[in-house]
Amino acid sequence: MREFFAAWLCTLRSPLLPLLRRALSSSSSSGSWGDPLSSAAAAVEAHFQVHWSALDAAARHDPAQAVTAGDWRSPLELPFLWLGDLHPSLLTTLLRSLSPSPRLLAAADRVDRRIRATVPAVSDRLRRAQEGFIAAEVSGAADVEAFLEELKVVALDANRLRRGVLSELLAAAGGYQAALFLEVLSRFVLSLHDPEVLRRFDQCRASPGS
């Protein structure tokens, strides 16, 4: 995943994000939803879906690694992760940062209710798998294969939630607003790996009392 993620970030940084920005700058919030803006936005959305598909493949290959923070993650990225990738509530938070319309805020609220219901359920399934493995291991009868299968299901469920949240928010936003949301999401993800941002983060960690 390290090589894939590095290439994925590089493609998001260029050409996808610059193309989306140029399309946004040549459009207007009241303009029609057509090329090149729709094409640029669709490409960015597809890029995020490719990322989650890769995480799904990783979960099927190595479930234990898939539910943890991979070694390709930046130190600043770690606080924003849940079961191997960004917490889905970050998506609604980023959408709200755009000062959306009351209609779109209502949609974000609906998605947040879904997240609040689903995240604890998925996390509880992981906890139950861990507890079951521990109890079985103490008695000398741990089923490693069954445990890994549960980890795989947990990772796939987490990615399914992230994928669904993004799709639902984009459908609710629509047009220019959806493209603007994808631009903000892309900038945020890239900022977590920006050398200058990470330098400031490391300075703050080195002097927490300042």
N, C-alpha and C. Protein backbone atom coordinates (compact mmCIF):
# COMPACT_ATOMS: atom_id res chain seq x y z
N MET A 1 0.81 -1.21 0.00
CA MET A 1 0.00 0.00 0.00
C MET A 1 0.85 1.27 0.00
N ARG A 2 2.06 1.19 0.53
CA ARG A 2 2.90 2.39 0.58
C ARG A 2 3.13 2.96 -0.82
N GLU A 3 3.50 2.10 -1.77
CA GLU A 3 3.75 2.58 -3.13
C GLU A 3 2.46 3.07 -3.78
N PHE A 4 1.38 2.31 -3.57
CA PHE A 4 0.11 2.73 -4.16
C PHE A 4 -0.32 4.08 -3.61
N PHE A 5 -0.23 4.26 -2.29
CA PHE A 5 -0.72 5.49 -1.68
C PHE A 5 0.12 6.69 -2.10
N ALA A 6 1.44 6.49 -2.22
CA ALA A 6 2.30 7.58 -2.68
C ALA A 6 1.92 8.00 -4.10
N ALA A 7 1.67 7.01 -4.97
CA ALA A 7 1.27 7.33 -6.34
C ALA A 7 -0.12 7.95 -6.37
N TRP A 8 -0.99 7.49 -5.48
CA TRP A 8 -2.36 8.02 -5.42
C TRP A 8 -2.34 9.50 -5.01
N LEU A 9 -1.54 9.83 -4.00
CA LEU A 9 -1.42 11.22 -3.58
C LEU A 9 -0.83 12.08 -4.70
N CYS A 10 0.17 11.53 -5.38
CA CYS A 10 0.83 12.28 -6.46
C CYS A 10 -0.17 12.60 -7.56
N THR A 11 -1.01 11.65 -7.92
CA THR A 11 -2.01 11.88 -8.97
C THR A 11 -3.07 12.88 -8.52
N LEU A 12 -3.45 12.80 -7.24
CA LEU A 12 -4.42 13.76 -6.71
C LEU A 12 -3.83 15.17 -6.74
N ARG A 13 -2.57 15.28 -6.35
CA ARG A 13 -1.90 16.59 -6.32
C ARG A 13 -1.77 17.17 -7.72
N SER A 14 -1.44 16.32 -8.67
CA SER A 14 -1.32 16.75 -10.07
C SER A 14 -1.37 15.49 -10.94
N PRO A 15 -2.35 15.42 -11.82
CA PRO A 15 -3.09 16.54 -12.42
C PRO A 15 -4.49 16.80 -11.88
N LEU A 16 -5.04 15.91 -11.03
CA LEU A 16 -6.48 15.98 -10.75
C LEU A 16 -6.91 17.27 -10.07
N LEU A 17 -6.23 17.66 -8.97
CA LEU A 17 -6.66 18.86 -8.25
C LEU A 17 -6.49 20.13 -9.09
N PRO A 18 -5.37 20.33 -9.78
CA PRO A 18 -5.27 21.53 -10.63
C PRO A 18 -6.35 21.57 -11.71
N LEU A 19 -6.69 20.43 -12.30
CA LEU A 19 -7.75 20.40 -13.30
C LEU A 19 -9.09 20.80 -12.70
N LEU A 20 -9.36 20.32 -11.51
CA LEU A 20 -10.62 20.67 -10.85
C LEU A 20 -10.65 22.15 -10.50
N ARG A 21 -9.54 22.68 -10.02
CA ARG A 21 -9.49 24.10 -9.68
C ARG A 21 -9.70 24.97 -10.92
N ARG A 22 -9.08 24.60 -12.02
CA ARG A 22 -9.26 25.40 -13.25
C ARG A 22 -10.71 25.34 -13.72
N ALA A 23 -11.32 24.18 -13.59
CA ALA A 23 -12.71 24.04 -14.01
C ALA A 23 -13.63 24.86 -13.11
N LEU A 24 -13.33 24.87 -11.81
CA LEU A 24 -14.13 25.68 -10.89
C LEU A 24 -13.97 27.17 -11.18
N SER A 25 -12.76 27.60 -11.47
CA SER A 25 -12.52 29.03 -11.70
C SER A 25 -13.17 29.52 -12.98
N SER A 26 -13.38 28.61 -13.94
CA SER A 26 -14.00 29.02 -15.19
C SER A 26 -15.51 28.81 -15.19
N SER A 27 -16.04 28.33 -14.05
CA SER A 27 -17.48 28.14 -13.92
C SER A 27 -18.00 29.11 -12.88
N SER A 28 -19.29 29.06 -12.63
CA SER A 28 -19.88 29.87 -11.58
C SER A 28 -20.84 29.02 -10.78
N SER A 29 -21.11 29.45 -9.56
CA SER A 29 -21.98 28.68 -8.68
C SER A 29 -23.39 28.53 -9.24
N SER A 30 -23.78 29.42 -10.15
CA SER A 30 -25.10 29.34 -10.74
C SER A 30 -25.07 28.81 -12.17
N GLY A 31 -23.86 28.42 -12.61
CA GLY A 31 -23.74 27.97 -13.98
C GLY A 31 -24.24 26.54 -14.17
N SER A 32 -24.25 26.13 -15.43
CA SER A 32 -24.72 24.78 -15.75
C SER A 32 -23.67 23.76 -15.37
N TRP A 33 -24.15 22.54 -15.12
CA TRP A 33 -23.27 21.44 -14.70
C TRP A 33 -22.85 20.68 -15.96
N GLY A 34 -21.74 21.09 -16.51
CA GLY A 34 -21.28 20.44 -17.73
C GLY A 34 -19.77 20.41 -17.80
N ASP A 35 -19.27 19.85 -18.88
CA ASP A 35 -17.83 19.80 -19.06
C ASP A 35 -17.26 21.21 -19.15
N PRO A 36 -16.02 21.45 -18.66
CA PRO A 36 -15.13 20.45 -18.10
C PRO A 36 -15.31 20.22 -16.58
N LEU A 37 -16.20 20.98 -15.93
CA LEU A 37 -16.34 20.85 -14.47
C LEU A 37 -16.84 19.47 -14.07
N SER A 38 -17.86 18.97 -14.76
CA SER A 38 -18.39 17.66 -14.39
C SER A 38 -17.36 16.57 -14.59
N SER A 39 -16.55 16.67 -15.65
CA SER A 39 -15.52 15.67 -15.90
C SER A 39 -14.43 15.71 -14.84
N ALA A 40 -14.02 16.92 -14.47
CA ALA A 40 -12.97 17.08 -13.46
C ALA A 40 -13.44 16.56 -12.11
N ALA A 41 -14.68 16.89 -11.73
CA ALA A 41 -15.22 16.43 -10.46
C ALA A 41 -15.39 14.91 -10.46
N ALA A 42 -15.87 14.36 -11.56
CA ALA A 42 -16.05 12.90 -11.64
C ALA A 42 -14.71 12.18 -11.51
N ALA A 43 -13.66 12.76 -12.07
CA ALA A 43 -12.34 12.14 -12.00
C ALA A 43 -11.83 12.12 -10.56
N VAL A 44 -12.06 13.19 -9.82
CA VAL A 44 -11.61 13.24 -8.42
C VAL A 44 -12.42 12.26 -7.58
N GLU A 45 -13.74 12.24 -7.78
CA GLU A 45 -14.55 11.29 -7.03
C GLU A 45 -14.11 9.85 -7.31
N ALA A 46 -13.89 9.53 -8.58
CA ALA A 46 -13.44 8.19 -8.94
C ALA A 46 -12.10 7.87 -8.30
N HIS A 47 -11.25 8.87 -8.16
CA HIS A 47 -9.93 8.66 -7.56
C HIS A 47 -10.07 8.25 -6.10
N PHE A 48 -10.98 8.87 -5.36
CA PHE A 48 -11.21 8.46 -3.98
C PHE A 48 -11.81 7.06 -3.92
N GLN A 49 -12.69 6.74 -4.85
CA GLN A 49 -13.27 5.40 -4.87
C GLN A 49 -12.20 4.34 -5.17
N VAL A 50 -11.25 4.67 -6.03
CA VAL A 50 -10.13 3.77 -6.31
C VAL A 50 -9.33 3.52 -5.04
N HIS A 51 -9.13 4.57 -4.26
CA HIS A 51 -8.39 4.43 -2.99
C HIS A 51 -9.08 3.44 -2.06
N TRP A 52 -10.40 3.57 -1.91
CA TRP A 52 -11.12 2.65 -1.03
C TRP A 52 -11.19 1.24 -1.59
N SER A 53 -11.22 1.12 -2.90
CA SER A 53 -11.16 -0.21 -3.51
C SER A 53 -9.82 -0.88 -3.22
N ALA A 54 -8.75 -0.08 -3.23
CA ALA A 54 -7.43 -0.62 -2.90
C ALA A 54 -7.37 -1.05 -1.44
N LEU A 55 -8.02 -0.27 -0.56
CA LEU A 55 -8.06 -0.65 0.85
C LEU A 55 -8.88 -1.93 1.04
N ASP A 56 -9.94 -2.09 0.24
CA ASP A 56 -10.71 -3.33 0.29
C ASP A 56 -9.83 -4.52 -0.10
N ALA A 57 -9.07 -4.35 -1.16
CA ALA A 57 -8.18 -5.42 -1.60
C ALA A 57 -7.13 -5.74 -0.53
N ALA A 58 -6.62 -4.70 0.11
CA ALA A 58 -5.65 -4.91 1.20
C ALA A 58 -6.30 -5.65 2.36
N ALA A 59 -7.57 -5.35 2.64
CA ALA A 59 -8.28 -6.02 3.74
C ALA A 59 -8.45 -7.50 3.46
N ARG A 60 -8.68 -7.85 2.22
CA ARG A 60 -8.83 -9.26 1.86
C ARG A 60 -7.49 -9.99 1.92
N HIS A 61 -6.42 -9.25 1.69
CA HIS A 61 -5.08 -9.86 1.70
C HIS A 61 -4.49 -9.92 3.10
N ASP A 62 -4.65 -8.84 3.88
CA ASP A 62 -4.05 -8.75 5.21
C ASP A 62 -5.00 -7.98 6.13
N PRO A 63 -6.04 -8.65 6.65
CA PRO A 63 -7.05 -7.95 7.46
C PRO A 63 -6.49 -7.26 8.69
N ALA A 64 -5.50 -7.86 9.33
CA ALA A 64 -4.95 -7.26 10.55
C ALA A 64 -4.33 -5.90 10.26
N GLN A 65 -3.66 -5.78 9.13
CA GLN A 65 -3.05 -4.51 8.77
C GLN A 65 -4.11 -3.49 8.34
N ALA A 66 -5.20 -3.98 7.74
CA ALA A 66 -6.20 -3.09 7.17
C ALA A 66 -6.96 -2.28 8.21
N VAL A 67 -7.09 -2.79 9.43
CA VAL A 67 -7.84 -2.07 10.45
C VAL A 67 -6.95 -1.18 11.31
N THR A 68 -5.67 -1.11 10.98
CA THR A 68 -4.74 -0.27 11.73
C THR A 68 -4.24 0.85 10.82
N ALA A 69 -3.46 1.74 11.40
CA ALA A 69 -2.86 2.83 10.62
C ALA A 69 -1.61 2.30 9.94
N GLY A 70 -1.63 2.25 8.61
CA GLY A 70 -0.48 1.74 7.88
C GLY A 70 0.74 2.63 8.05
N ASP A 71 1.92 2.07 7.81
CA ASP A 71 3.15 2.82 8.01
C ASP A 71 3.37 3.88 6.92
N TRP A 72 2.45 3.94 5.96
CA TRP A 72 2.54 4.99 4.95
C TRP A 72 1.82 6.27 5.37
N ARG A 73 1.13 6.23 6.49
CA ARG A 73 0.38 7.40 6.96
C ARG A 73 1.32 8.42 7.58
N SER A 74 1.00 9.69 7.42
CA SER A 74 1.80 10.74 8.04
C SER A 74 1.40 10.89 9.50
N PRO A 75 2.29 11.40 10.36
CA PRO A 75 1.95 11.55 11.78
C PRO A 75 0.77 12.49 12.00
N LEU A 76 0.58 13.47 11.14
CA LEU A 76 -0.55 14.38 11.27
C LEU A 76 -1.86 13.71 10.86
N GLU A 77 -1.76 12.73 9.99
CA GLU A 77 -2.95 12.02 9.51
C GLU A 77 -3.54 11.12 10.59
N LEU A 78 -2.71 10.61 11.49
CA LEU A 78 -3.15 9.60 12.47
C LEU A 78 -4.36 10.01 13.30
N PRO A 79 -4.44 11.26 13.80
CA PRO A 79 -5.60 11.61 14.62
C PRO A 79 -6.93 11.61 13.86
N PHE A 80 -6.87 11.58 12.54
CA PHE A 80 -8.10 11.65 11.74
C PHE A 80 -8.54 10.29 11.22
N LEU A 81 -7.86 9.21 11.64
CA LEU A 81 -8.13 7.88 11.11
C LEU A 81 -9.09 7.09 11.98
N TRP A 82 -9.86 6.25 11.32
CA TRP A 82 -10.74 5.28 11.99
C TRP A 82 -10.71 4.00 11.16
N LEU A 83 -10.24 2.93 11.77
CA LEU A 83 -10.18 1.63 11.10
C LEU A 83 -9.54 1.71 9.71
N GLY A 84 -8.36 2.29 9.69
CA GLY A 84 -7.55 2.23 8.49
C GLY A 84 -7.62 3.39 7.52
N ASP A 85 -8.55 4.34 7.74
CA ASP A 85 -8.62 5.48 6.84
C ASP A 85 -9.37 6.61 7.52
N LEU A 86 -9.60 7.70 6.80
CA LEU A 86 -10.23 8.88 7.40
C LEU A 86 -11.60 8.55 8.00
N HIS A 87 -11.87 9.13 9.16
CA HIS A 87 -13.17 8.96 9.79
C HIS A 87 -14.24 9.57 8.89
N PRO A 88 -15.35 8.89 8.66
CA PRO A 88 -16.37 9.42 7.74
C PRO A 88 -16.97 10.75 8.18
N SER A 89 -16.96 11.04 9.47
CA SER A 89 -17.52 12.32 9.94
C SER A 89 -16.70 13.50 9.45
N LEU A 90 -15.45 13.27 9.05
CA LEU A 90 -14.65 14.35 8.48
C LEU A 90 -15.28 14.89 7.21
N LEU A 91 -15.95 14.02 6.48
CA LEU A 91 -16.56 14.45 5.22
C LEU A 91 -17.69 15.45 5.46
N THR A 92 -18.53 15.18 6.46
CA THR A 92 -19.60 16.13 6.74
C THR A 92 -19.04 17.40 7.36
N THR A 93 -17.98 17.28 8.15
CA THR A 93 -17.35 18.48 8.72
C THR A 93 -16.80 19.37 7.62
N LEU A 94 -16.14 18.78 6.64
CA LEU A 94 -15.60 19.56 5.52
C LEU A 94 -16.72 20.19 4.70
N LEU A 95 -17.80 19.47 4.53
CA LEU A 95 -18.93 20.04 3.79
C LEU A 95 -19.50 21.26 4.50
N ARG A 96 -19.61 21.17 5.82
CA ARG A 96 -20.15 22.30 6.59
C ARG A 96 -19.22 23.51 6.54
N SER A 97 -17.94 23.29 6.30
CA SER A 97 -17.00 24.41 6.24
C SER A 97 -17.26 25.30 5.04
N LEU A 98 -18.06 24.83 4.09
CA LEU A 98 -18.37 25.61 2.89
C LEU A 98 -19.56 26.53 3.08
N SER A 99 -20.11 26.58 4.29
CA SER A 99 -21.32 27.37 4.56
C SER A 99 -22.44 27.02 3.57
N PRO A 100 -22.85 25.76 3.55
CA PRO A 100 -23.83 25.31 2.56
C PRO A 100 -25.23 25.83 2.86
N SER A 101 -26.11 25.62 1.93
CA SER A 101 -27.51 26.04 2.07
C SER A 101 -28.20 25.21 3.16
N PRO A 102 -29.33 25.72 3.67
CA PRO A 102 -30.09 24.95 4.66
C PRO A 102 -30.46 23.55 4.17
N ARG A 103 -30.76 23.43 2.88
CA ARG A 103 -31.09 22.11 2.33
C ARG A 103 -29.91 21.16 2.42
N LEU A 104 -28.72 21.65 2.10
CA LEU A 104 -27.54 20.81 2.14
C LEU A 104 -27.13 20.52 3.58
N LEU A 105 -27.32 21.48 4.48
CA LEU A 105 -27.06 21.22 5.90
C LEU A 105 -27.98 20.13 6.43
N ALA A 106 -29.22 20.14 5.99
CA ALA A 106 -30.15 19.09 6.41
C ALA A 106 -29.69 17.73 5.90
N ALA A 107 -29.16 17.70 4.69
CA ALA A 107 -28.63 16.45 4.14
C ALA A 107 -27.42 15.98 4.94
N ALA A 108 -26.55 16.93 5.31
CA ALA A 108 -25.39 16.58 6.12
C ALA A 108 -25.81 16.03 7.48
N ASP A 109 -26.87 16.60 8.04
CA ASP A 109 -27.39 16.10 9.32
C ASP A 109 -27.88 14.66 9.17
N ARG A 110 -28.56 14.36 8.08
CA ARG A 110 -29.03 12.99 7.85
C ARG A 110 -27.87 12.02 7.74
N VAL A 111 -26.84 12.44 7.02
CA VAL A 111 -25.66 11.59 6.87
C VAL A 111 -24.97 11.40 8.22
N ASP A 112 -24.90 12.46 9.01
CA ASP A 112 -24.27 12.36 10.34
C ASP A 112 -25.02 11.37 11.23
N ARG A 113 -26.35 11.35 11.13
CA ARG A 113 -27.11 10.39 11.93
C ARG A 113 -26.78 8.97 11.51
N ARG A 114 -26.60 8.77 10.22
CA ARG A 114 -26.20 7.45 9.73
C ARG A 114 -24.81 7.08 10.25
N ILE A 115 -23.90 8.04 10.22
CA ILE A 115 -22.54 7.79 10.72
C ILE A 115 -22.57 7.44 12.21
N ARG A 116 -23.35 8.21 12.99
CA ARG A 116 -23.40 7.96 14.44
C ARG A 116 -24.01 6.60 14.76
N ALA A 117 -24.85 6.10 13.89
CA ALA A 117 -25.43 4.78 14.10
C ALA A 117 -24.49 3.66 13.65
N THR A 118 -23.76 3.89 12.57
CA THR A 118 -22.96 2.83 11.96
C THR A 118 -21.58 2.69 12.58
N VAL A 119 -20.93 3.80 12.88
CA VAL A 119 -19.57 3.73 13.42
C VAL A 119 -19.51 2.91 14.72
N PRO A 120 -20.39 3.16 15.70
CA PRO A 120 -20.33 2.32 16.92
C PRO A 120 -20.61 0.85 16.63
N ALA A 121 -21.50 0.57 15.68
CA ALA A 121 -21.81 -0.83 15.37
C ALA A 121 -20.60 -1.55 14.79
N VAL A 122 -19.88 -0.88 13.89
CA VAL A 122 -18.69 -1.48 13.29
C VAL A 122 -17.59 -1.62 14.35
N SER A 123 -17.41 -0.57 15.15
CA SER A 123 -16.39 -0.63 16.20
C SER A 123 -16.72 -1.73 17.22
N ASP A 124 -17.99 -1.90 17.55
CA ASP A 124 -18.39 -2.95 18.48
C ASP A 124 -18.11 -4.34 17.91
N ARG A 125 -18.30 -4.49 16.61
CA ARG A 125 -17.99 -5.79 16.00
C ARG A 125 -16.51 -6.11 16.13
N LEU A 126 -15.66 -5.11 15.95
CA LEU A 126 -14.23 -5.30 16.15
C LEU A 126 -13.93 -5.66 17.60
N ARG A 127 -14.56 -4.95 18.53
CA ARG A 127 -14.33 -5.23 19.95
C ARG A 127 -14.76 -6.65 20.31
N ARG A 128 -15.91 -7.09 19.81
CA ARG A 128 -16.39 -8.44 20.10
C ARG A 128 -15.45 -9.49 19.52
N ALA A 129 -14.92 -9.21 18.34
CA ALA A 129 -13.95 -10.15 17.74
C ALA A 129 -12.69 -10.24 18.59
N GLN A 130 -12.23 -9.10 19.09
CA GLN A 130 -11.04 -9.09 19.94
C GLN A 130 -11.30 -9.84 21.24
N GLU A 131 -12.45 -9.56 21.86
CA GLU A 131 -12.77 -10.23 23.12
C GLU A 131 -12.92 -11.73 22.94
N GLY A 132 -13.56 -12.13 21.83
CA GLY A 132 -13.73 -13.55 21.56
C GLY A 132 -12.40 -14.25 21.34
N PHE A 133 -11.49 -13.59 20.63
CA PHE A 133 -10.18 -14.17 20.39
C PHE A 133 -9.40 -14.32 21.69
N ILE A 134 -9.46 -13.29 22.53
CA ILE A 134 -8.74 -13.33 23.81
C ILE A 134 -9.25 -14.47 24.68
N ALA A 135 -10.58 -14.58 24.79
CA ALA A 135 -11.16 -15.64 25.62
C ALA A 135 -10.79 -17.01 25.10
N ALA A 136 -10.82 -17.17 23.77
CA ALA A 136 -10.49 -18.46 23.19
C ALA A 136 -9.00 -18.78 23.34
N GLU A 137 -8.18 -17.74 23.20
CA GLU A 137 -6.73 -17.95 23.32
C GLU A 137 -6.36 -18.36 24.74
N VAL A 138 -7.02 -17.78 25.73
CA VAL A 138 -6.75 -18.13 27.13
C VAL A 138 -7.05 -19.61 27.37
N SER A 139 -8.10 -20.09 26.72
CA SER A 139 -8.47 -21.49 26.90
C SER A 139 -7.74 -22.41 25.93
N GLY A 140 -6.90 -21.83 25.07
CA GLY A 140 -6.11 -22.62 24.14
C GLY A 140 -6.85 -23.07 22.90
N ALA A 141 -7.94 -22.36 22.56
CA ALA A 141 -8.74 -22.79 21.41
C ALA A 141 -9.03 -21.64 20.45
N ALA A 142 -8.10 -20.73 20.30
CA ALA A 142 -8.33 -19.56 19.44
C ALA A 142 -8.40 -19.97 17.98
N ASP A 143 -9.41 -19.45 17.29
CA ASP A 143 -9.59 -19.70 15.86
C ASP A 143 -9.07 -18.48 15.10
N VAL A 144 -7.81 -18.52 14.69
CA VAL A 144 -7.18 -17.38 14.04
C VAL A 144 -7.87 -17.07 12.72
N GLU A 145 -8.24 -18.09 11.99
CA GLU A 145 -8.89 -17.87 10.69
C GLU A 145 -10.21 -17.13 10.85
N ALA A 146 -11.00 -17.52 11.85
CA ALA A 146 -12.28 -16.85 12.09
C ALA A 146 -12.06 -15.41 12.53
N PHE A 147 -11.02 -15.18 13.34
CA PHE A 147 -10.71 -13.83 13.80
C PHE A 147 -10.33 -12.93 12.63
N LEU A 148 -9.49 -13.44 11.74
CA LEU A 148 -9.08 -12.65 10.58
C LEU A 148 -10.27 -12.38 9.66
N GLU A 149 -11.18 -13.33 9.56
CA GLU A 149 -12.38 -13.11 8.75
C GLU A 149 -13.21 -11.97 9.32
N GLU A 150 -13.32 -11.90 10.65
CA GLU A 150 -14.05 -10.80 11.27
C GLU A 150 -13.35 -9.46 11.02
N LEU A 151 -12.03 -9.45 11.11
CA LEU A 151 -11.29 -8.22 10.83
C LEU A 151 -11.52 -7.77 9.39
N LYS A 152 -11.55 -8.71 8.48
CA LYS A 152 -11.81 -8.36 7.07
C LYS A 152 -13.19 -7.73 6.92
N VAL A 153 -14.20 -8.33 7.54
CA VAL A 153 -15.56 -7.79 7.45
C VAL A 153 -15.62 -6.38 8.04
N VAL A 154 -14.95 -6.18 9.17
CA VAL A 154 -14.93 -4.85 9.80
C VAL A 154 -14.30 -3.82 8.86
N ALA A 155 -13.16 -4.17 8.27
CA ALA A 155 -12.48 -3.23 7.37
C ALA A 155 -13.35 -2.93 6.15
N LEU A 156 -13.97 -3.94 5.58
CA LEU A 156 -14.83 -3.72 4.41
C LEU A 156 -16.05 -2.87 4.77
N ASP A 157 -16.62 -3.10 5.94
CA ASP A 157 -17.76 -2.30 6.38
C ASP A 157 -17.37 -0.83 6.57
N ALA A 158 -16.18 -0.61 7.14
CA ALA A 158 -15.72 0.77 7.35
C ALA A 158 -15.52 1.48 6.01
N ASN A 159 -14.93 0.79 5.05
CA ASN A 159 -14.73 1.40 3.73
C ASN A 159 -16.06 1.61 3.01
N ARG A 160 -16.99 0.69 3.21
CA ARG A 160 -18.32 0.84 2.59
C ARG A 160 -19.01 2.08 3.13
N LEU A 161 -18.86 2.33 4.42
CA LEU A 161 -19.46 3.52 5.01
C LEU A 161 -18.83 4.78 4.44
N ARG A 162 -17.51 4.83 4.36
CA ARG A 162 -16.84 6.00 3.79
C ARG A 162 -17.28 6.24 2.35
N ARG A 163 -17.34 5.16 1.59
CA ARG A 163 -17.73 5.27 0.18
C ARG A 163 -19.16 5.79 0.06
N GLY A 164 -20.05 5.26 0.88
CA GLY A 164 -21.44 5.68 0.83
C GLY A 164 -21.65 7.11 1.27
N VAL A 165 -20.91 7.52 2.30
CA VAL A 165 -21.04 8.90 2.79
C VAL A 165 -20.62 9.89 1.72
N LEU A 166 -19.50 9.63 1.06
CA LEU A 166 -19.05 10.54 0.01
C LEU A 166 -20.08 10.62 -1.12
N SER A 167 -20.57 9.47 -1.56
CA SER A 167 -21.54 9.45 -2.65
C SER A 167 -22.82 10.19 -2.27
N GLU A 168 -23.28 9.99 -1.04
CA GLU A 168 -24.52 10.62 -0.61
C GLU A 168 -24.37 12.14 -0.51
N LEU A 169 -23.23 12.59 0.01
CA LEU A 169 -23.01 14.03 0.13
C LEU A 169 -22.89 14.68 -1.24
N LEU A 170 -22.20 14.03 -2.16
CA LEU A 170 -22.05 14.59 -3.50
C LEU A 170 -23.39 14.64 -4.23
N ALA A 171 -24.21 13.61 -4.04
CA ALA A 171 -25.53 13.61 -4.67
C ALA A 171 -26.40 14.73 -4.10
N ALA A 172 -26.29 14.96 -2.80
CA ALA A 172 -27.09 16.01 -2.16
C ALA A 172 -26.59 17.39 -2.59
N ALA A 173 -25.28 17.55 -2.71
CA ALA A 173 -24.71 18.86 -3.09
C ALA A 173 -25.01 19.16 -4.55
N GLY A 174 -24.58 18.28 -5.42
CA GLY A 174 -24.83 18.44 -6.84
C GLY A 174 -24.06 19.58 -7.47
N GLY A 175 -23.76 19.44 -8.74
CA GLY A 175 -23.18 20.51 -9.54
C GLY A 175 -21.95 21.18 -8.96
N TYR A 176 -21.97 22.49 -9.03
CA TYR A 176 -20.82 23.30 -8.61
C TYR A 176 -20.45 23.03 -7.16
N GLN A 177 -21.47 22.92 -6.29
CA GLN A 177 -21.21 22.72 -4.86
C GLN A 177 -20.52 21.38 -4.61
N ALA A 178 -20.90 20.37 -5.36
CA ALA A 178 -20.24 19.07 -5.22
C ALA A 178 -18.78 19.15 -5.63
N ALA A 179 -18.52 19.86 -6.73
CA ALA A 179 -17.14 20.03 -7.19
C ALA A 179 -16.32 20.81 -6.16
N LEU A 180 -16.92 21.84 -5.59
CA LEU A 180 -16.23 22.63 -4.57
C LEU A 180 -15.91 21.78 -3.34
N PHE A 181 -16.84 20.92 -2.96
CA PHE A 181 -16.61 20.01 -1.83
C PHE A 181 -15.46 19.06 -2.13
N LEU A 182 -15.41 18.52 -3.33
CA LEU A 182 -14.31 17.63 -3.69
C LEU A 182 -12.96 18.36 -3.68
N GLU A 183 -12.98 19.63 -4.07
CA GLU A 183 -11.74 20.42 -4.03
C GLU A 183 -11.26 20.60 -2.60
N VAL A 184 -12.18 20.89 -1.67
CA VAL A 184 -11.83 21.07 -0.26
C VAL A 184 -11.34 19.75 0.33
N LEU A 185 -12.02 18.66 0.00
CA LEU A 185 -11.60 17.35 0.50
C LEU A 185 -10.20 17.01 0.01
N SER A 186 -9.94 17.25 -1.25
CA SER A 186 -8.61 16.96 -1.82
C SER A 186 -7.52 17.79 -1.15
N ARG A 187 -7.80 19.09 -0.97
CA ARG A 187 -6.82 19.95 -0.32
C ARG A 187 -6.53 19.48 1.10
N PHE A 188 -7.57 19.07 1.82
CA PHE A 188 -7.37 18.62 3.19
C PHE A 188 -6.50 17.36 3.23
N VAL A 189 -6.82 16.39 2.40
CA VAL A 189 -6.03 15.16 2.38
C VAL A 189 -4.57 15.44 2.04
N LEU A 190 -4.35 16.29 1.05
CA LEU A 190 -2.98 16.61 0.66
C LEU A 190 -2.25 17.40 1.75
N SER A 191 -2.98 18.23 2.48
CA SER A 191 -2.34 19.02 3.54
C SER A 191 -1.75 18.13 4.63
N LEU A 192 -2.34 16.96 4.84
CA LEU A 192 -1.85 16.05 5.87
C LEU A 192 -0.50 15.45 5.51
N HIS A 193 -0.08 15.63 4.25
CA HIS A 193 1.21 15.12 3.78
C HIS A 193 2.09 16.24 3.25
N ASP A 194 1.68 17.47 3.46
CA ASP A 194 2.46 18.61 2.98
C ASP A 194 3.71 18.80 3.85
N PRO A 195 4.90 18.86 3.26
CA PRO A 195 6.13 18.97 4.05
C PRO A 195 6.14 20.16 5.00
N GLU A 196 5.65 21.31 4.56
CA GLU A 196 5.64 22.50 5.41
C GLU A 196 4.68 22.33 6.59
N VAL A 197 3.52 21.78 6.33
CA VAL A 197 2.56 21.53 7.41
C VAL A 197 3.13 20.52 8.40
N LEU A 198 3.76 19.47 7.89
CA LEU A 198 4.35 18.46 8.77
C LEU A 198 5.52 19.04 9.57
N ARG A 199 6.27 19.97 8.96
CA ARG A 199 7.37 20.61 9.69
C ARG A 199 6.82 21.38 10.89
N ARG A 200 5.73 22.14 10.68
CA ARG A 200 5.13 22.89 11.79
C ARG A 200 4.56 21.93 12.84
N PHE A 201 4.01 20.82 12.37
CA PHE A 201 3.46 19.82 13.29
C PHE A 201 4.57 19.23 14.15
N ASP A 202 5.70 18.92 13.56
CA ASP A 202 6.82 18.36 14.31
C ASP A 202 7.37 19.38 15.30
N GLN A 203 7.41 20.66 14.93
CA GLN A 203 7.88 21.69 15.85
C GLN A 203 6.98 21.79 17.06
N CYS A 204 5.68 21.70 16.83
CA CYS A 204 4.73 21.78 17.95
C CYS A 204 4.85 20.55 18.85
N ARG A 205 5.10 19.39 18.26
CA ARG A 205 5.26 18.18 19.08
C ARG A 205 6.54 18.25 19.91
N ALA A 206 7.57 18.91 19.35
CA ALA A 206 8.85 19.00 20.05
C ALA A 206 8.77 19.97 21.23
N SER A 207 7.84 20.91 21.17
CA SER A 207 7.73 21.90 22.27
C SER A 207 6.26 22.04 22.65
N PRO A 208 5.66 21.00 23.26
CA PRO A 208 4.22 21.04 23.57
C PRO A 208 3.85 22.10 24.58
N GLY A 209 4.81 22.58 25.37
CA GLY A 209 4.49 23.56 26.39
C GLY A 209 4.54 24.98 25.91
N SER A 210 4.98 25.19 24.67
CA SER A 210 5.15 26.56 24.17
C SER A 210 3.82 27.14 23.76
